[in-house]
Amino acid sequence: MSTAPGLAFANLTLLLDVPQLPAIFAANCFHNYRMLLQEFKVASQETGDIVYPFNRVNKQDDVLNRMGRPRKYNNGK
């Protein structure tokens, strides 16, 4: 008794992918947990400006804007 080649390929895919599902699920949960903690950290800082937490190239703060230039109208700080 023979089966269709597509069905055999599906069975092979299931045999190879199903054992990896717990690791994929755990990595996804860990990643989401880290992002949630990072969002809480950004929200707790309460800066009055828009914050771009994932912009690691041009970080902004109270003195520099997101273009790396001194902020205008920062009350002499």
PDB file of N, CA and C in Angstrom:
ATOM      1  N   MET A   1       0.844  -1.167   0.000  1.00  0.00           N
ATOM      2  CA  MET A   1       0.000   0.000   0.000  1.00  0.00           C
ATOM      3  C   MET A   1       0.895   1.236   0.000  1.00  0.00           C
ATOM      4  N   SER A   2       0.676   2.107  -0.933  1.00  0.00           N
ATOM      5  CA  SER A   2       1.517   3.298  -1.056  1.00  0.00           C
ATOM      6  C   SER A   2       0.697   4.542  -0.720  1.00  0.00           C
ATOM      7  N   THR A   3       1.420   5.566  -0.301  1.00  0.00           N
ATOM      8  CA  THR A   3       0.762   6.838   0.007  1.00  0.00           C
ATOM      9  C   THR A   3       1.240   7.894  -0.978  1.00  0.00           C
ATOM     10  N   ALA A   4       0.558   8.994  -0.995  1.00  0.00           N
ATOM     11  CA  ALA A   4       0.922  10.085  -1.893  1.00  0.00           C
ATOM     12  C   ALA A   4       2.225  10.721  -1.408  1.00  0.00           C
ATOM     13  N   PRO A   5       3.055  11.206  -2.335  1.00  0.00           N
ATOM     14  CA  PRO A   5       4.311  11.839  -1.918  1.00  0.00           C
ATOM     15  C   PRO A   5       4.089  13.071  -1.043  1.00  0.00           C
ATOM     16  N   GLY A   6       3.023  13.805  -1.300  1.00  0.00           N
ATOM     17  CA  GLY A   6       2.744  14.981  -0.485  1.00  0.00           C
ATOM     18  C   GLY A   6       2.435  14.619   0.951  1.00  0.00           C
ATOM     19  N   LEU A   7       1.733  13.517   1.136  1.00  0.00           N
ATOM     20  CA  LEU A   7       1.409  13.059   2.478  1.00  0.00           C
ATOM     21  C   LEU A   7       2.663  12.589   3.206  1.00  0.00           C
ATOM     22  N   ALA A   8       3.551  11.930   2.484  1.00  0.00           N
ATOM     23  CA  ALA A   8       4.810  11.493   3.094  1.00  0.00           C
ATOM     24  C   ALA A   8       5.645  12.708   3.508  1.00  0.00           C
ATOM     25  N   PHE A   9       5.645  13.730   2.680  1.00  0.00           N
ATOM     26  CA  PHE A   9       6.390  14.942   3.021  1.00  0.00           C
ATOM     27  C   PHE A   9       5.785  15.616   4.249  1.00  0.00           C
ATOM     28  N   ALA A  10       4.452  15.623   4.344  1.00  0.00           N
ATOM     29  CA  ALA A  10       3.792  16.207   5.511  1.00  0.00           C
ATOM     30  C   ALA A  10       4.136  15.418   6.772  1.00  0.00           C
ATOM     31  N   ASN A  11       4.158  14.104   6.673  1.00  0.00           N
ATOM     32  CA  ASN A  11       4.518  13.280   7.830  1.00  0.00           C
ATOM     33  C   ASN A  11       5.955  13.535   8.251  1.00  0.00           C
ATOM     34  N   LEU A  12       6.851  13.656   7.296  1.00  0.00           N
ATOM     35  CA  LEU A  12       8.253  13.940   7.611  1.00  0.00           C
ATOM     36  C   LEU A  12       8.385  15.310   8.279  1.00  0.00           C
ATOM     37  N   THR A  13       7.653  16.282   7.776  1.00  0.00           N
ATOM     38  CA  THR A  13       7.692  17.623   8.365  1.00  0.00           C
ATOM     39  C   THR A  13       7.191  17.597   9.807  1.00  0.00           C
ATOM     40  N   LEU A  14       6.106  16.874  10.051  1.00  0.00           N
ATOM     41  CA  LEU A  14       5.591  16.769  11.417  1.00  0.00           C
ATOM     42  C   LEU A  14       6.589  16.084  12.338  1.00  0.00           C
ATOM     43  N   LEU A  15       7.231  15.034  11.856  1.00  0.00           N
ATOM     44  CA  LEU A  15       8.202  14.319  12.687  1.00  0.00           C
ATOM     45  C   LEU A  15       9.386  15.205  13.052  1.00  0.00           C
ATOM     46  N   LEU A  16       9.773  16.101  12.157  1.00  0.00           N
ATOM     47  CA  LEU A  16      10.925  16.952  12.422  1.00  0.00           C
ATOM     48  C   LEU A  16      10.562  18.209  13.207  1.00  0.00           C
ATOM     49  N   ASP A  17       9.345  18.712  13.053  1.00  0.00           N
ATOM     50  CA  ASP A  17       8.981  19.990  13.664  1.00  0.00           C
ATOM     51  C   ASP A  17       8.338  19.866  15.039  1.00  0.00           C
ATOM     52  N   VAL A  18       7.555  18.842  15.267  1.00  0.00           N
ATOM     53  CA  VAL A  18       6.816  18.731  16.524  1.00  0.00           C
ATOM     54  C   VAL A  18       7.735  18.677  17.742  1.00  0.00           C
ATOM     55  N   PRO A  19       8.863  17.954  17.728  1.00  0.00           N
ATOM     56  CA  PRO A  19       9.722  17.964  18.919  1.00  0.00           C
ATOM     57  C   PRO A  19      10.329  19.332  19.233  1.00  0.00           C
ATOM     58  N   GLN A  20      10.363  20.239  18.270  1.00  0.00           N
ATOM     59  CA  GLN A  20      10.951  21.556  18.499  1.00  0.00           C
ATOM     60  C   GLN A  20       9.946  22.558  19.047  1.00  0.00           C
ATOM     61  N   LEU A  21       8.670  22.217  19.043  1.00  0.00           N
ATOM     62  CA  LEU A  21       7.643  23.171  19.462  1.00  0.00           C
ATOM     63  C   LEU A  21       7.813  23.665  20.901  1.00  0.00           C
ATOM     64  N   PRO A  22       8.132  22.825  21.886  1.00  0.00           N
ATOM     65  CA  PRO A  22       8.320  23.380  23.237  1.00  0.00           C
ATOM     66  C   PRO A  22       9.457  24.396  23.315  1.00  0.00           C
ATOM     67  N   ALA A  23      10.536  24.150  22.599  1.00  0.00           N
ATOM     68  CA  ALA A  23      11.651  25.102  22.620  1.00  0.00           C
ATOM     69  C   ALA A  23      11.256  26.412  21.946  1.00  0.00           C
ATOM     70  N   ILE A  24      10.528  26.334  20.850  1.00  0.00           N
ATOM     71  CA  ILE A  24      10.071  27.543  20.158  1.00  0.00           C
ATOM     72  C   ILE A  24       9.109  28.322  21.048  1.00  0.00           C
ATOM     73  N   PHE A  25       8.196  27.617  21.687  1.00  0.00           N
ATOM     74  CA  PHE A  25       7.224  28.265  22.568  1.00  0.00           C
ATOM     75  C   PHE A  25       7.913  28.926  23.762  1.00  0.00           C
ATOM     76  N   ALA A  26       8.881  28.237  24.361  1.00  0.00           N
ATOM     77  CA  ALA A  26       9.592  28.798  25.513  1.00  0.00           C
ATOM     78  C   ALA A  26      10.404  30.027  25.111  1.00  0.00           C
ATOM     79  N   ALA A  27      11.056  29.979  23.957  1.00  0.00           N
ATOM     80  CA  ALA A  27      11.834  31.132  23.501  1.00  0.00           C
ATOM     81  C   ALA A  27      10.920  32.324  23.224  1.00  0.00           C
ATOM     82  N   ASN A  28       9.753  32.062  22.655  1.00  0.00           N
ATOM     83  CA  ASN A  28       8.806  33.138  22.372  1.00  0.00           C
ATOM     84  C   ASN A  28       8.285  33.754  23.669  1.00  0.00           C
ATOM     85  N   CYS A  29       7.970  32.926  24.657  1.00  0.00           N
ATOM     86  CA  CYS A  29       7.503  33.445  25.956  1.00  0.00           C
ATOM     87  C   CYS A  29       8.587  34.275  26.630  1.00  0.00           C
ATOM     88  N   PHE A  30       9.829  33.798  26.594  1.00  0.00           N
ATOM     89  CA  PHE A  30      10.928  34.529  27.213  1.00  0.00           C
ATOM     90  C   PHE A  30      11.141  35.872  26.523  1.00  0.00           C
ATOM     91  N   HIS A  31      11.058  35.884  25.187  1.00  0.00           N
ATOM     92  CA  HIS A  31      11.220  37.126  24.429  1.00  0.00           C
ATOM     93  C   HIS A  31      10.101  38.112  24.777  1.00  0.00           C
ATOM     94  N   ASN A  32       8.861  37.628  24.831  1.00  0.00           N
ATOM     95  CA  ASN A  32       7.739  38.508  25.168  1.00  0.00           C
ATOM     96  C   ASN A  32       7.858  39.043  26.587  1.00  0.00           C
ATOM     97  N   TYR A  33       8.341  38.225  27.511  1.00  0.00           N
ATOM     98  CA  TYR A  33       8.541  38.660  28.895  1.00  0.00           C
ATOM     99  C   TYR A  33       9.598  39.762  28.971  1.00  0.00           C
ATOM    100  N   ARG A  34      10.690  39.602  28.234  1.00  0.00           N
ATOM    101  CA  ARG A  34      11.731  40.629  28.218  1.00  0.00           C
ATOM    102  C   ARG A  34      11.207  41.933  27.635  1.00  0.00           C
ATOM    103  N   MET A  35      10.435  41.855  26.557  1.00  0.00           N
ATOM    104  CA  MET A  35       9.882  43.063  25.946  1.00  0.00           C
ATOM    105  C   MET A  35       8.891  43.744  26.890  1.00  0.00           C
ATOM    106  N   LEU A  36       8.104  42.953  27.630  1.00  0.00           N
ATOM    107  CA  LEU A  36       7.167  43.536  28.582  1.00  0.00           C
ATOM    108  C   LEU A  36       7.911  44.277  29.685  1.00  0.00           C
ATOM    109  N   LEU A  37       8.974  43.683  30.207  1.00  0.00           N
ATOM    110  CA  LEU A  37       9.768  44.364  31.231  1.00  0.00           C
ATOM    111  C   LEU A  37      10.396  45.640  30.689  1.00  0.00           C
ATOM    112  N   GLN A  38      10.845  45.596  29.445  1.00  0.00           N
ATOM    113  CA  GLN A  38      11.441  46.790  28.847  1.00  0.00           C
ATOM    114  C   GLN A  38      10.390  47.889  28.673  1.00  0.00           C
ATOM    115  N   GLU A  39       9.178  47.509  28.280  1.00  0.00           N
ATOM    116  CA  GLU A  39       8.107  48.499  28.144  1.00  0.00           C
ATOM    117  C   GLU A  39       7.747  49.111  29.496  1.00  0.00           C
ATOM    118  N   PHE A  40       7.722  48.290  30.550  1.00  0.00           N
ATOM    119  CA  PHE A  40       7.455  48.823  31.886  1.00  0.00           C
ATOM    120  C   PHE A  40       8.545  49.789  32.318  1.00  0.00           C
ATOM    121  N   LYS A  41       9.784  49.456  31.985  1.00  0.00           N
ATOM    122  CA  LYS A  41      10.891  50.330  32.361  1.00  0.00           C
ATOM    123  C   LYS A  41      10.785  51.672  31.640  1.00  0.00           C
ATOM    124  N   VAL A  42      10.438  51.647  30.364  1.00  0.00           N
ATOM    125  CA  VAL A  42      10.298  52.883  29.595  1.00  0.00           C
ATOM    126  C   VAL A  42       9.108  53.691  30.112  1.00  0.00           C
ATOM    127  N   ALA A  43       8.009  53.008  30.437  1.00  0.00           N
ATOM    128  CA  ALA A  43       6.818  53.713  30.914  1.00  0.00           C
ATOM    129  C   ALA A  43       7.035  54.313  32.295  1.00  0.00           C
ATOM    130  N   SER A  44       7.886  53.707  33.097  1.00  0.00           N
ATOM    131  CA  SER A  44       8.104  54.215  34.452  1.00  0.00           C
ATOM    132  C   SER A  44       9.043  55.415  34.485  1.00  0.00           C
ATOM    133  N   GLN A  45       9.767  55.690  33.402  1.00  0.00           N
ATOM    134  CA  GLN A  45      10.684  56.826  33.390  1.00  0.00           C
ATOM    135  C   GLN A  45       9.943  58.148  33.318  1.00  0.00           C
ATOM    136  N   GLU A  46       8.781  58.164  32.717  1.00  0.00           N
ATOM    137  CA  GLU A  46       7.913  59.338  32.624  1.00  0.00           C
ATOM    138  C   GLU A  46       8.621  60.558  32.062  1.00  0.00           C
ATOM    139  N   THR A  47       9.291  60.391  30.950  1.00  0.00           N
ATOM    140  CA  THR A  47       9.830  61.557  30.266  1.00  0.00           C
ATOM    141  C   THR A  47       8.681  62.221  29.521  1.00  0.00           C
ATOM    142  N   GLY A  48       8.760  63.512  29.366  1.00  0.00           N
ATOM    143  CA  GLY A  48       7.696  64.227  28.698  1.00  0.00           C
ATOM    144  C   GLY A  48       7.779  64.131  27.191  1.00  0.00           C
ATOM    145  N   ASP A  49       8.749  63.422  26.697  1.00  0.00           N
ATOM    146  CA  ASP A  49       8.985  63.365  25.265  1.00  0.00           C
ATOM    147  C   ASP A  49       8.750  61.951  24.747  1.00  0.00           C
ATOM    148  N   ILE A  50       8.664  61.841  23.450  1.00  0.00           N
ATOM    149  CA  ILE A  50       8.533  60.532  22.820  1.00  0.00           C
ATOM    150  C   ILE A  50       9.863  59.799  22.961  1.00  0.00           C
ATOM    151  N   VAL A  51       9.799  58.558  23.401  1.00  0.00           N
ATOM    152  CA  VAL A  51      11.008  57.767  23.607  1.00  0.00           C
ATOM    153  C   VAL A  51      11.027  56.652  22.577  1.00  0.00           C
ATOM    154  N   TYR A  52      12.176  56.435  21.988  1.00  0.00           N
ATOM    155  CA  TYR A  52      12.354  55.357  21.022  1.00  0.00           C
ATOM    156  C   TYR A  52      13.281  54.315  21.643  1.00  0.00           C
ATOM    157  N   PRO A  53      12.755  53.329  22.367  1.00  0.00           N
ATOM    158  CA  PRO A  53      13.625  52.413  23.107  1.00  0.00           C
ATOM    159  C   PRO A  53      14.429  51.478  22.219  1.00  0.00           C
ATOM    160  N   PHE A  54      14.000  51.239  20.988  1.00  0.00           N
ATOM    161  CA  PHE A  54      14.711  50.297  20.135  1.00  0.00           C
ATOM    162  C   PHE A  54      15.704  50.984  19.211  1.00  0.00           C
ATOM    163  N   ASN A  55      15.835  52.305  19.317  1.00  0.00           N
ATOM    164  CA  ASN A  55      16.796  53.036  18.505  1.00  0.00           C
ATOM    165  C   ASN A  55      18.121  53.072  19.254  1.00  0.00           C
ATOM    166  N   ARG A  56      18.997  52.124  18.952  1.00  0.00           N
ATOM    167  CA  ARG A  56      20.279  52.037  19.648  1.00  0.00           C
ATOM    168  C   ARG A  56      21.356  52.854  18.953  1.00  0.00           C
ATOM    169  N   VAL A  57      21.081  53.330  17.756  1.00  0.00           N
ATOM    170  CA  VAL A  57      22.082  54.086  17.013  1.00  0.00           C
ATOM    171  C   VAL A  57      22.075  55.539  17.454  1.00  0.00           C
ATOM    172  N   ASN A  58      20.917  56.161  17.465  1.00  0.00           N
ATOM    173  CA  ASN A  58      20.789  57.570  17.842  1.00  0.00           C
ATOM    174  C   ASN A  58      19.931  57.670  19.091  1.00  0.00           C
ATOM    175  N   LYS A  59      20.551  57.474  20.226  1.00  0.00           N
ATOM    176  CA  LYS A  59      19.791  57.558  21.472  1.00  0.00           C
ATOM    177  C   LYS A  59      19.518  59.016  21.807  1.00  0.00           C
ATOM    178  N   GLN A  60      18.341  59.269  22.345  1.00  0.00           N
ATOM    179  CA  GLN A  60      17.981  60.622  22.738  1.00  0.00           C
ATOM    180  C   GLN A  60      17.842  60.683  24.249  1.00  0.00           C
ATOM    181  N   ASP A  61      18.079  61.857  24.787  1.00  0.00           N
ATOM    182  CA  ASP A  61      17.921  62.078  26.221  1.00  0.00           C
ATOM    183  C   ASP A  61      17.445  63.503  26.432  1.00  0.00           C
ATOM    184  N   ASP A  62      17.619  64.016  27.639  1.00  0.00           N
ATOM    185  CA  ASP A  62      17.127  65.364  27.940  1.00  0.00           C
ATOM    186  C   ASP A  62      17.928  66.451  27.241  1.00  0.00           C
ATOM    187  N   VAL A  63      19.182  66.179  26.893  1.00  0.00           N
ATOM    188  CA  VAL A  63      20.043  67.191  26.285  1.00  0.00           C
ATOM    189  C   VAL A  63      20.057  67.066  24.764  1.00  0.00           C
ATOM    190  N   LEU A  64      20.077  65.826  24.248  1.00  0.00           N
ATOM    191  CA  LEU A  64      20.152  65.598  22.807  1.00  0.00           C
ATOM    192  C   LEU A  64      18.820  65.088  22.278  1.00  0.00           C
ATOM    193  N   ASN A  65      18.456  65.556  21.088  1.00  0.00           N
ATOM    194  CA  ASN A  65      17.256  65.027  20.464  1.00  0.00           C
ATOM    195  C   ASN A  65      17.610  63.755  19.692  1.00  0.00           C
ATOM    196  N   ARG A  66      16.642  63.194  18.972  1.00  0.00           N
ATOM    197  CA  ARG A  66      16.903  61.915  18.314  1.00  0.00           C
ATOM    198  C   ARG A  66      17.830  62.038  17.115  1.00  0.00           C
ATOM    199  N   MET A  67      18.108  63.247  16.674  1.00  0.00           N
ATOM    200  CA  MET A  67      19.071  63.447  15.593  1.00  0.00           C
ATOM    201  C   MET A  67      20.481  63.665  16.124  1.00  0.00           C
ATOM    202  N   GLY A  68      20.641  63.695  17.443  1.00  0.00           N
ATOM    203  CA  GLY A  68      21.951  63.893  18.036  1.00  0.00           C
ATOM    204  C   GLY A  68      22.316  65.350  18.226  1.00  0.00           C
ATOM    205  N   ARG A  69      21.375  66.240  17.977  1.00  0.00           N
ATOM    206  CA  ARG A  69      21.620  67.675  18.130  1.00  0.00           C
ATOM    207  C   ARG A  69      21.119  68.137  19.489  1.00  0.00           C
ATOM    208  N   PRO A  70      21.669  69.245  19.995  1.00  0.00           N
ATOM    209  CA  PRO A  70      21.158  69.765  21.273  1.00  0.00           C
ATOM    210  C   PRO A  70      19.688  70.149  21.147  1.00  0.00           C
ATOM    211  N   ARG A  71      18.933  69.854  22.173  1.00  0.00           N
ATOM    212  CA  ARG A  71      17.505  70.177  22.152  1.00  0.00           C
ATOM    213  C   ARG A  71      17.293  71.684  22.229  1.00  0.00           C
ATOM    214  N   LYS A  72      16.304  72.147  21.500  1.00  0.00           N
ATOM    215  CA  LYS A  72      15.899  73.547  21.601  1.00  0.00           C
ATOM    216  C   LYS A  72      14.894  73.677  22.730  1.00  0.00           C
ATOM    217  N   TYR A  73      14.889  74.814  23.341  1.00  0.00           N
ATOM    218  CA  TYR A  73      13.892  75.154  24.353  1.00  0.00           C
ATOM    219  C   TYR A  73      13.916  74.171  25.525  1.00  0.00           C
ATOM    220  N   ASN A  74      15.114  73.844  26.000  1.00  0.00           N
ATOM    221  CA  ASN A  74      15.180  72.943  27.151  1.00  0.00           C
ATOM    222  C   ASN A  74      15.435  73.709  28.443  1.00  0.00           C
ATOM    223  N   ASN A  75      15.099  74.990  28.449  1.00  0.00           N
ATOM    224  CA  ASN A  75      15.165  75.845  29.645  1.00  0.00           C
ATOM    225  C   ASN A  75      16.564  75.920  30.232  1.00  0.00           C
ATOM    226  N   GLY A  76      17.565  75.966  29.387  1.00  0.00           N
ATOM    227  CA  GLY A  76      18.929  76.173  29.836  1.00  0.00           C
ATOM    228  C   GLY A  76      19.556  75.001  30.557  1.00  0.00           C
ATOM    229  N   LYS A  77      19.054  73.833  30.389  1.00  0.00           N
ATOM    230  CA  LYS A  77      19.623  72.662  31.068  1.00  0.00           C
ATOM    231  C   LYS A  77      20.832  72.150  30.333  1.00  0.00           C
TER     232      LYS A  77
END
